[in-house]
Protein backbone atom coordinates (compact mmCIF):
# COMPACT_ATOMS: atom_id res chain seq x y z
CA MET A 1 65.75 13.65 -62.32
CA THR A 2 63.67 16.43 -60.72
CA SER A 3 60.44 17.26 -62.52
CA GLU A 4 57.80 19.90 -62.05
CA GLN A 5 55.54 17.23 -60.61
CA ASP A 6 57.80 16.74 -57.58
CA ASN A 7 56.43 18.39 -54.53
CA ALA A 8 59.72 20.24 -53.81
CA PHE A 9 60.13 21.59 -57.35
CA GLY A 10 59.85 25.31 -57.31
CA VAL A 11 59.16 25.45 -53.57
CA LEU A 12 61.56 27.00 -51.06
CA THR A 13 61.85 24.38 -48.34
CA ASP A 14 63.96 23.96 -45.14
CA GLU A 15 65.48 20.92 -46.76
CA ALA A 16 66.57 23.02 -49.75
CA PHE A 17 68.44 25.37 -47.41
CA GLU A 18 70.17 22.45 -45.73
CA ARG A 19 71.19 20.98 -49.07
CA SER A 20 72.56 24.39 -50.10
CA ARG A 21 74.59 24.68 -46.86
CA ARG A 22 76.19 21.31 -47.51
CA ARG A 23 77.74 22.81 -50.68
CA ILE A 24 79.63 25.58 -48.93
CA GLY A 25 83.40 25.38 -49.71
CA ILE A 26 83.15 22.63 -52.31
CA PRO A 27 84.82 23.66 -55.54
CA GLN A 28 82.50 23.54 -58.54
CA ARG A 29 83.38 22.96 -62.15
CA THR A 30 82.74 25.91 -64.50
CA HIS A 31 81.59 26.13 -68.05
CA PRO A 32 84.33 26.37 -70.72
CA ALA A 33 85.65 29.92 -70.84
CA HIS A 34 84.36 32.21 -73.64
CA ILE A 35 87.95 33.62 -73.97
CA THR A 36 91.10 31.64 -73.16
CA GLU A 37 93.76 34.29 -73.79
CA VAL A 38 93.81 38.05 -73.56
CA SER A 39 93.96 39.52 -77.05
CA ALA A 40 93.35 42.89 -78.61
CA ASP A 41 90.28 41.49 -80.40
CA ALA A 42 88.81 39.86 -77.34
CA THR A 43 89.23 42.89 -75.08
CA ARG A 44 87.98 45.21 -77.76
CA HIS A 45 84.80 43.20 -78.36
CA PHE A 46 84.16 43.07 -74.58
CA ALA A 47 84.80 46.78 -73.99
CA PHE A 48 82.77 47.83 -77.10
CA GLY A 49 79.95 45.69 -75.74
CA TYR A 50 79.41 48.12 -72.88
CA GLY A 51 80.25 51.23 -74.95
CA ASP A 52 83.88 51.71 -73.87
CA ALA A 53 86.46 52.67 -76.54
CA ASN A 54 89.36 53.16 -74.10
CA PRO A 55 92.57 52.51 -76.11
CA LEU A 56 94.19 50.99 -73.01
CA TYR A 57 91.94 48.01 -73.74
CA CYS A 58 91.58 48.27 -77.47
CA ASP A 59 94.78 49.60 -78.97
CA ALA A 60 98.04 47.60 -78.37
CA ASP A 61 100.20 50.34 -79.86
CA TYR A 62 98.69 52.96 -77.46
CA ALA A 63 98.77 50.67 -74.46
CA LYS A 64 102.48 49.65 -74.75
CA ASN A 65 103.45 53.28 -73.95
CA THR A 66 101.44 53.41 -70.69
CA ARG A 67 102.69 52.53 -67.24
CA TRP A 68 101.45 48.91 -67.86
CA GLY A 69 103.74 48.39 -70.85
CA SER A 70 101.11 46.46 -72.82
CA LEU A 71 97.41 46.25 -73.49
CA ILE A 72 95.45 45.17 -70.42
CA ALA A 73 91.90 43.75 -70.09
CA PRO A 74 89.09 45.83 -68.68
CA PRO A 75 88.59 45.09 -64.98
CA ASN A 76 85.32 43.11 -65.48
CA PHE A 77 86.89 40.97 -68.22
CA THR A 78 87.24 37.99 -65.89
CA TYR A 79 83.49 37.42 -66.50
CA CYS A 80 84.43 35.81 -69.83
CA MET A 81 87.73 34.14 -68.83
CA GLY A 82 88.81 31.40 -66.47
CA GLU A 83 89.83 27.86 -67.17
CA ASN A 84 88.43 25.55 -64.45
CA ALA A 85 90.81 25.24 -61.44
CA ALA A 86 88.62 23.07 -59.30
CA PRO A 87 90.61 20.11 -57.78
CA GLU A 88 89.22 16.56 -57.60
CA ILE A 89 86.57 16.24 -54.98
CA THR A 90 85.40 13.30 -52.88
CA ALA A 91 82.36 11.14 -53.57
CA GLU A 92 80.59 12.75 -50.64
CA GLN A 93 81.23 16.20 -52.02
CA LYS A 94 80.02 15.13 -55.50
CA ALA A 95 76.78 13.92 -53.93
CA ALA A 96 76.34 17.29 -52.23
CA LEU A 97 76.69 19.07 -55.58
CA LYS A 98 74.22 16.78 -57.37
CA GLY A 99 71.04 18.50 -58.47
CA ASP A 100 69.95 22.05 -57.67
CA PRO A 101 68.58 22.66 -54.12
CA PHE A 102 66.54 25.56 -55.59
CA ALA A 103 65.35 23.88 -58.81
CA GLY A 104 62.33 25.59 -60.29
CA LEU A 105 62.83 28.86 -58.38
CA GLY A 106 63.54 32.18 -60.02
CA ALA A 107 67.15 33.37 -59.66
CA TYR A 108 67.99 37.06 -59.64
CA GLN A 109 71.39 38.71 -59.29
CA ALA A 110 71.33 40.86 -56.11
CA ALA A 111 74.85 42.08 -55.34
CA MET A 112 78.36 41.86 -56.72
CA GLU A 113 81.76 42.67 -55.24
CA PHE A 114 85.07 42.86 -57.01
CA GLU A 115 88.59 43.18 -55.63
CA TYR A 116 91.34 43.66 -58.20
CA TYR A 117 95.04 42.93 -57.44
CA ARG A 118 96.80 42.91 -60.80
CA PRO A 119 95.86 43.32 -64.42
CA LEU A 120 95.36 40.62 -67.07
CA ARG A 121 97.83 41.57 -69.83
CA LEU A 122 98.11 40.82 -73.49
CA ASP A 123 98.57 37.10 -74.13
CA ASP A 124 97.74 36.25 -70.53
CA GLN A 125 95.68 33.27 -69.51
CA CYS A 126 93.48 32.86 -66.48
CA GLN A 127 92.14 30.19 -64.11
CA VAL A 128 89.09 30.34 -61.88
CA LEU A 129 88.06 28.52 -58.66
CA ARG A 130 84.35 28.74 -58.00
CA ALA A 131 82.60 27.76 -54.75
CA GLN A 132 79.53 28.68 -52.78
CA VAL A 133 80.62 30.39 -49.55
CA GLY A 134 77.29 31.30 -47.85
CA VAL A 135 73.46 31.01 -47.88
CA GLN A 136 70.96 33.06 -45.87
CA GLU A 137 67.17 33.11 -45.62
CA LYS A 138 65.68 36.60 -46.00
CA PRO A 139 62.15 37.96 -46.52
CA SER A 140 61.49 39.95 -49.73
CA SER A 141 58.71 42.23 -50.85
CA PHE A 142 59.08 40.86 -54.33
CA GLY A 143 59.44 37.08 -53.71
CA GLY A 144 58.24 36.43 -50.13
CA ARG A 145 60.64 33.96 -48.55
CA THR A 146 63.95 33.97 -50.40
CA ALA A 147 67.39 32.37 -50.22
CA HIS A 148 70.40 34.63 -50.70
CA VAL A 149 73.22 32.41 -52.06
CA THR A 150 76.75 33.84 -52.22
CA SER A 151 79.36 32.33 -54.46
CA ASP A 152 83.04 33.27 -54.96
CA PHE A 153 84.87 33.36 -58.25
CA LEU A 154 88.62 33.46 -57.52
CA TYR A 155 90.94 34.20 -60.42
CA THR A 156 94.63 33.80 -61.05
CA ASN A 157 96.65 34.68 -64.14
CA GLY A 158 98.78 32.31 -66.27
CA HIS A 159 101.60 32.57 -63.63
CA GLY A 160 99.31 31.50 -60.77
CA GLU A 161 99.18 35.01 -59.29
CA VAL A 162 95.86 36.21 -57.75
CA VAL A 163 94.19 38.68 -60.15
CA THR A 164 90.54 39.10 -58.96
CA ILE A 165 88.17 38.16 -56.15
CA GLN A 166 84.61 38.27 -57.21
CA ARG A 167 81.69 37.65 -54.75
CA GLY A 168 78.23 37.33 -56.16
CA THR A 169 74.90 36.99 -54.34
CA TRP A 170 71.80 35.68 -56.07
CA ILE A 171 68.26 35.71 -54.78
CA HIS A 172 66.22 32.56 -55.22
CA ALA A 173 62.43 33.05 -54.97
CA GLU A 174 59.32 31.01 -55.64
CA ARG A 175 58.07 32.03 -59.09
CA HIS A 176 54.42 31.77 -58.26
CA THR A 177 54.98 34.14 -55.27
CA SER A 178 56.81 36.64 -57.54
CA ARG A 179 54.07 36.40 -60.12
CA GLU A 180 51.29 36.96 -57.51
CA ARG A 181 53.07 40.01 -56.06
CA ALA A 182 53.85 41.40 -59.46
CA SER A 183 50.16 41.13 -60.44
CA THR A 184 49.22 43.51 -57.63
CA LYS A 185 51.49 46.27 -58.78
CA GLU A 186 50.72 48.96 -61.27
CA PRO A 187 51.98 48.02 -64.74
CA ILE A 188 55.12 49.66 -66.06
CA THR A 189 54.33 51.96 -68.96
CA PHE A 190 56.81 53.07 -71.66
CA ASP A 191 55.83 56.10 -73.65
CA PRO A 192 57.83 56.69 -76.86
CA TYR A 193 60.87 58.93 -76.40
CA SER A 194 60.39 62.43 -77.66
CA ASP A 195 62.92 63.96 -79.99
CA GLU A 196 63.95 66.30 -77.19
CA GLN A 197 64.59 63.37 -74.83
CA LEU A 198 66.72 61.56 -77.43
CA ALA A 199 68.65 64.77 -78.13
CA GLU A 200 69.45 65.05 -74.38
CA ILE A 201 70.78 61.50 -74.42
CA ASP A 202 72.84 62.10 -77.52
CA ALA A 203 74.28 65.29 -76.08
CA ALA A 204 75.48 63.28 -73.02
CA TYR A 205 77.18 60.75 -75.29
CA ASP A 206 78.79 63.54 -77.31
CA ALA A 207 80.11 65.22 -74.17
CA GLU A 208 81.93 62.16 -72.82
CA THR A 209 85.61 62.67 -72.03
CA ARG A 210 88.36 60.30 -70.83
CA ARG A 211 91.24 61.12 -68.49
CA GLY A 212 93.47 58.71 -70.35
CA SER A 213 97.24 59.38 -70.27
CA GLN A 214 96.86 62.62 -68.16
CA PRO A 215 97.47 61.42 -64.59
CA ARG A 216 94.82 62.26 -61.95
CA PHE A 217 96.92 62.93 -58.85
CA PHE A 218 95.74 62.07 -55.39
CA GLU A 219 96.67 65.56 -54.16
CA ASP A 220 94.31 67.21 -56.70
CA VAL A 221 91.12 65.33 -55.77
CA ALA A 222 88.68 66.71 -53.15
CA ILE A 223 85.77 65.28 -51.31
CA GLY A 224 82.67 66.28 -53.17
CA ASP A 225 84.20 66.07 -56.63
CA GLU A 226 81.81 64.51 -59.12
CA LEU A 227 82.55 62.06 -61.86
CA GLN A 228 81.37 62.99 -65.32
CA PRO A 229 77.96 61.24 -65.78
CA ARG A 230 77.67 58.42 -68.25
CA VAL A 231 74.41 57.53 -70.14
CA LYS A 232 73.56 54.03 -71.32
CA GLY A 233 70.45 53.62 -73.37
CA PRO A 234 67.73 53.60 -74.38
CA LEU A 235 68.44 49.83 -73.92
CA THR A 236 67.55 47.69 -76.93
CA VAL A 237 67.76 43.93 -77.63
CA THR A 238 70.52 44.88 -80.06
CA ASP A 239 72.55 46.14 -77.15
CA LEU A 240 72.15 42.74 -75.50
CA VAL A 241 73.33 40.97 -78.65
CA VAL A 242 76.45 43.16 -78.91
CA TRP A 243 77.11 42.65 -75.22
CA HIS A 244 76.97 38.78 -75.62
CA ILE A 245 79.45 38.92 -78.49
CA GLY A 246 82.15 40.08 -76.07
CA TRP A 247 80.83 38.32 -72.96
CA GLY A 248 79.70 34.93 -74.16
CA MET A 249 76.48 33.31 -72.84
CA GLN A 250 77.62 32.56 -69.33
CA LEU A 251 74.53 30.81 -67.92
CA THR A 252 74.05 28.47 -70.81
CA PRO A 253 77.30 26.74 -71.99
CA PRO A 254 78.55 28.01 -75.36
CA GLY A 255 77.32 26.39 -78.67
CA ALA A 256 74.27 26.17 -80.85
CA PHE A 257 72.19 23.49 -82.57
CA GLY A 258 73.78 20.09 -82.15
CA ILE A 259 76.23 21.39 -79.54
CA ALA A 260 73.32 22.84 -77.59
CA ARG A 261 71.46 19.53 -77.95
CA GLN A 262 74.31 17.71 -76.20
CA ILE A 263 74.07 20.17 -73.28
CA ARG A 264 70.29 19.97 -73.21
CA ARG A 265 70.51 16.11 -72.86
CA LYS A 266 72.48 16.57 -69.70
CA ALA A 267 70.63 19.63 -68.31
CA PRO A 268 67.19 19.93 -69.81
CA GLY A 269 66.22 22.53 -67.18
CA LEU A 270 68.43 25.01 -68.93
CA TYR A 271 66.21 24.94 -71.91
CA PRO A 272 62.52 25.42 -70.95
CA PRO A 273 60.09 25.21 -73.94
CA ASN A 274 58.74 28.35 -75.49
CA ALA A 275 55.18 29.05 -76.65
CA ARG A 276 55.76 26.83 -79.64
CA ASN A 277 57.13 24.00 -77.40
CA ILE A 278 60.70 24.59 -78.67
CA PRO A 279 63.44 24.23 -76.01
CA ASP A 280 65.20 27.54 -75.62
CA THR A 281 67.73 28.96 -73.16
CA VAL A 282 66.63 30.13 -69.73
CA GLN A 283 68.33 33.35 -70.47
CA ARG A 284 65.77 34.32 -73.12
CA LEU A 285 63.73 36.29 -70.53
CA HIS A 286 66.35 39.03 -71.18
CA TRP A 287 65.15 39.45 -74.78
CA ASP A 288 61.79 37.56 -74.88
CA PRO A 289 59.11 39.71 -73.17
CA GLU A 290 56.62 36.84 -73.20
CA ARG A 291 59.01 34.63 -71.10
CA ALA A 292 59.56 37.54 -68.72
CA ARG A 293 55.84 38.00 -68.22
CA GLU A 294 55.49 34.18 -67.55
CA LEU A 295 57.81 34.69 -64.66
CA GLY A 296 56.03 37.65 -63.14
CA ILE A 297 58.29 40.36 -64.66
CA PRO A 298 56.63 43.12 -66.72
CA MET A 299 59.05 42.79 -69.62
CA SER A 300 62.58 41.83 -70.56
CA TYR A 301 65.47 43.43 -68.74
CA ASP A 302 69.27 43.68 -68.72
CA TYR A 303 71.92 41.68 -66.86
CA GLY A 304 73.25 42.92 -63.58
CA ALA A 305 76.78 42.45 -64.98
CA MET A 306 75.98 45.05 -67.69
CA ARG A 307 75.43 47.74 -65.02
CA GLU A 308 78.65 46.61 -63.27
CA THR A 309 80.55 47.39 -66.45
CA TRP A 310 78.72 50.73 -66.84
CA LEU A 311 79.82 51.69 -63.35
CA THR A 312 83.34 50.55 -64.19
CA HIS A 313 83.31 52.60 -67.42
CA ALA A 314 82.47 55.78 -65.60
CA ILE A 315 85.16 55.17 -62.94
CA THR A 316 88.05 54.16 -65.30
CA ASP A 317 87.36 57.15 -67.63
CA TRP A 318 87.56 59.45 -64.61
CA MET A 319 90.70 57.95 -62.96
CA GLY A 320 92.94 57.71 -66.00
CA ASP A 321 95.49 55.15 -67.19
CA ASP A 322 97.92 55.46 -64.26
CA ALA A 323 95.33 54.75 -61.57
CA TRP A 324 94.02 51.42 -60.43
CA LEU A 325 90.40 50.35 -59.64
CA PHE A 326 90.87 48.33 -56.44
CA LYS A 327 87.33 47.60 -55.25
CA LEU A 328 83.78 47.90 -56.62
CA ARG A 329 80.60 46.86 -54.93
CA CYS A 330 77.05 47.31 -56.14
CA GLN A 331 73.48 46.07 -55.38
CA HIS A 332 70.89 45.53 -58.09
CA ARG A 333 67.65 46.70 -56.55
CA LYS A 334 65.40 47.30 -59.57
CA PHE A 335 65.01 45.79 -63.03
CA ASN A 336 66.40 47.76 -65.84
CA TYR A 337 63.94 47.11 -68.67
CA ILE A 338 64.35 47.12 -72.39
CA GLY A 339 63.70 50.71 -73.38
CA ASP A 340 65.08 52.19 -70.16
CA THR A 341 67.83 54.71 -70.10
CA THR A 342 70.41 54.55 -67.35
CA TRP A 343 72.40 57.48 -66.04
CA VAL A 344 75.61 56.56 -64.23
CA ARG A 345 76.77 58.95 -61.53
CA GLY A 346 79.57 59.13 -58.97
CA THR A 347 80.93 61.33 -56.22
CA VAL A 348 84.16 61.38 -54.17
CA VAL A 349 83.16 60.74 -50.56
CA ASP A 350 86.61 60.25 -48.88
CA LYS A 351 90.31 60.11 -49.53
CA VAL A 352 92.64 58.10 -47.33
CA GLN A 353 96.32 57.24 -47.23
CA THR A 354 96.63 53.77 -45.78
CA HIS A 355 99.09 50.85 -46.14
CA GLY A 356 101.14 52.92 -48.53
CA ARG A 357 98.10 53.41 -50.77
CA ASN A 358 96.39 56.65 -51.89
CA GLU A 359 92.80 55.52 -51.73
CA VAL A 360 89.89 57.60 -53.08
CA HIS A 361 86.42 56.36 -52.02
CA LEU A 362 83.58 56.84 -54.36
CA GLU A 363 79.82 56.51 -54.19
CA VAL A 364 78.50 55.36 -57.58
CA SER A 365 74.96 54.63 -58.79
CA CYS A 366 72.72 53.91 -61.81
CA TRP A 367 69.45 55.84 -62.19
CA ASN A 368 66.70 55.29 -64.79
CA GLN A 369 64.69 57.86 -66.63
CA ARG A 370 61.86 57.53 -64.07
CA GLY A 371 64.24 58.93 -61.43
CA GLU A 372 64.71 55.56 -59.71
CA GLU A 373 68.02 54.41 -58.33
CA THR A 374 68.41 50.89 -59.78
CA THR A 375 71.95 50.01 -58.71
CA PRO A 376 73.73 51.84 -55.78
CA GLY A 377 77.37 51.04 -55.25
CA SER A 378 80.68 52.09 -53.89
CA ALA A 379 84.31 51.92 -55.17
CA VAL A 380 87.91 52.39 -54.05
CA VAL A 381 90.39 53.80 -56.54
CA LEU A 382 94.13 53.99 -56.07
CA LEU A 383 95.54 57.20 -57.55
CA PRO A 384 99.16 58.09 -58.24
CA SER A 385 100.81 60.78 -56.17
CA ARG A 386 102.98 63.62 -57.36
CA THR A 387 105.76 61.82 -55.43
CA GLY A 388 105.29 58.35 -56.89
CA PRO A 389 103.14 55.96 -58.92
CA VAL A 390 100.39 53.60 -57.79
CA GLU A 391 101.54 50.39 -56.07
CA LEU A 392 99.20 47.48 -56.68
CA PRO A 393 97.60 46.06 -53.55
CA LYS A 394 98.76 42.70 -52.13
CA PRO A 395 96.09 39.92 -52.28
CA PRO A 396 95.08 38.36 -48.87
CA ALA A 397 96.49 34.92 -49.93
CA ASP A 398 98.99 33.75 -52.53
CA ASP A 399 97.01 30.74 -53.90
CA LEU A 400 93.37 29.71 -54.61
CA ALA A 401 93.05 27.10 -51.87
CA ALA A 402 94.22 29.51 -49.11
CA LEU A 403 92.04 32.26 -50.58
CA LEU A 404 88.97 30.07 -50.47
CA GLU A 405 89.54 29.24 -46.84
CA LEU A 406 89.67 32.93 -46.03
CA GLU A 407 86.47 33.57 -47.95
CA ILE A 408 84.52 30.72 -46.19
CA ALA A 409 85.59 32.18 -42.79
CA ARG A 410 84.44 35.64 -44.00
CA TYR A 411 80.86 34.34 -44.31
CA ALA A 412 80.83 31.86 -41.41
């Protein structure tokens, strides 16, 4: 078992890159899904966790009268679904997956892409095939030499139909390097919010509207149109708790106490000891400022996936029930700390008719109260026309194995 005394632990080596490359294309087992079946309770908890009360996701009686005919899950809901669809692998492949090539390094979500092909409906189930599809070496001002590892999460519904392609890139950096670089920067300061600032935030919440059942037609949209801004924050640890209720734990398998002990026996690295020498989840840096500082980060911060749902919230409220979010891509460039307020903005930058689709292209982004852009992104929305409804896009392959081959070629 790798230990911190090993020379390679926490060091980004050429051999680590080579080990990582040997993993490309090998299906990996996933943790048990947080949710195994789409239900009104599950989708409501998930949507409420990012502040979205859209009845399309939360009210089955409302949703059955929409074009979908039933309640559907929010686009990002696949984060908490997916029974493992990995086939049996060879002994050689198992050996390639053994251990973590980047053990002891910090891992930070850098970018995420989504392509959505059909909705998950009420009572639907889901399978996921996960595999690494690429690894690149890149320099970083934060972590020096870094490894950018891209993994795919390919989802089908209970009928085996492709639902979502999700591509995620994580940056792996030496913790001592990130700590040294962080120590040379000016500390982040957080003055208390004034009553006037809080009133501005509350006014933005109070002003939120949702397109809902009123169709937004392709013909009525113009380049330069702006989405109604969304505000998220000031971020609290309570927000993270509510988020996890809908989302599950993700990085650490589900379960507490004795269940967690069984997991810790197999993967002790997932539970580094805290200041009192008590094993605790690696995820605690998101709510434990002391752990964050140990890793060279000024204080606790959100998950990149939270901001992805915030972007999705702004887009789906703007586009309405009859439209379809086809693509979303974003990059997480700055930490969003506990206490920060995020403003989500979007603008129509193009509209195209292609392959029988009415595509509206958006630029979307998250900005903090310091005026810094933390997450730039882009999206493609399919809008209905006055002459006909949205037709869902056709996935590039009909099954997971063929889809994975295409994805590996994409990054080759």
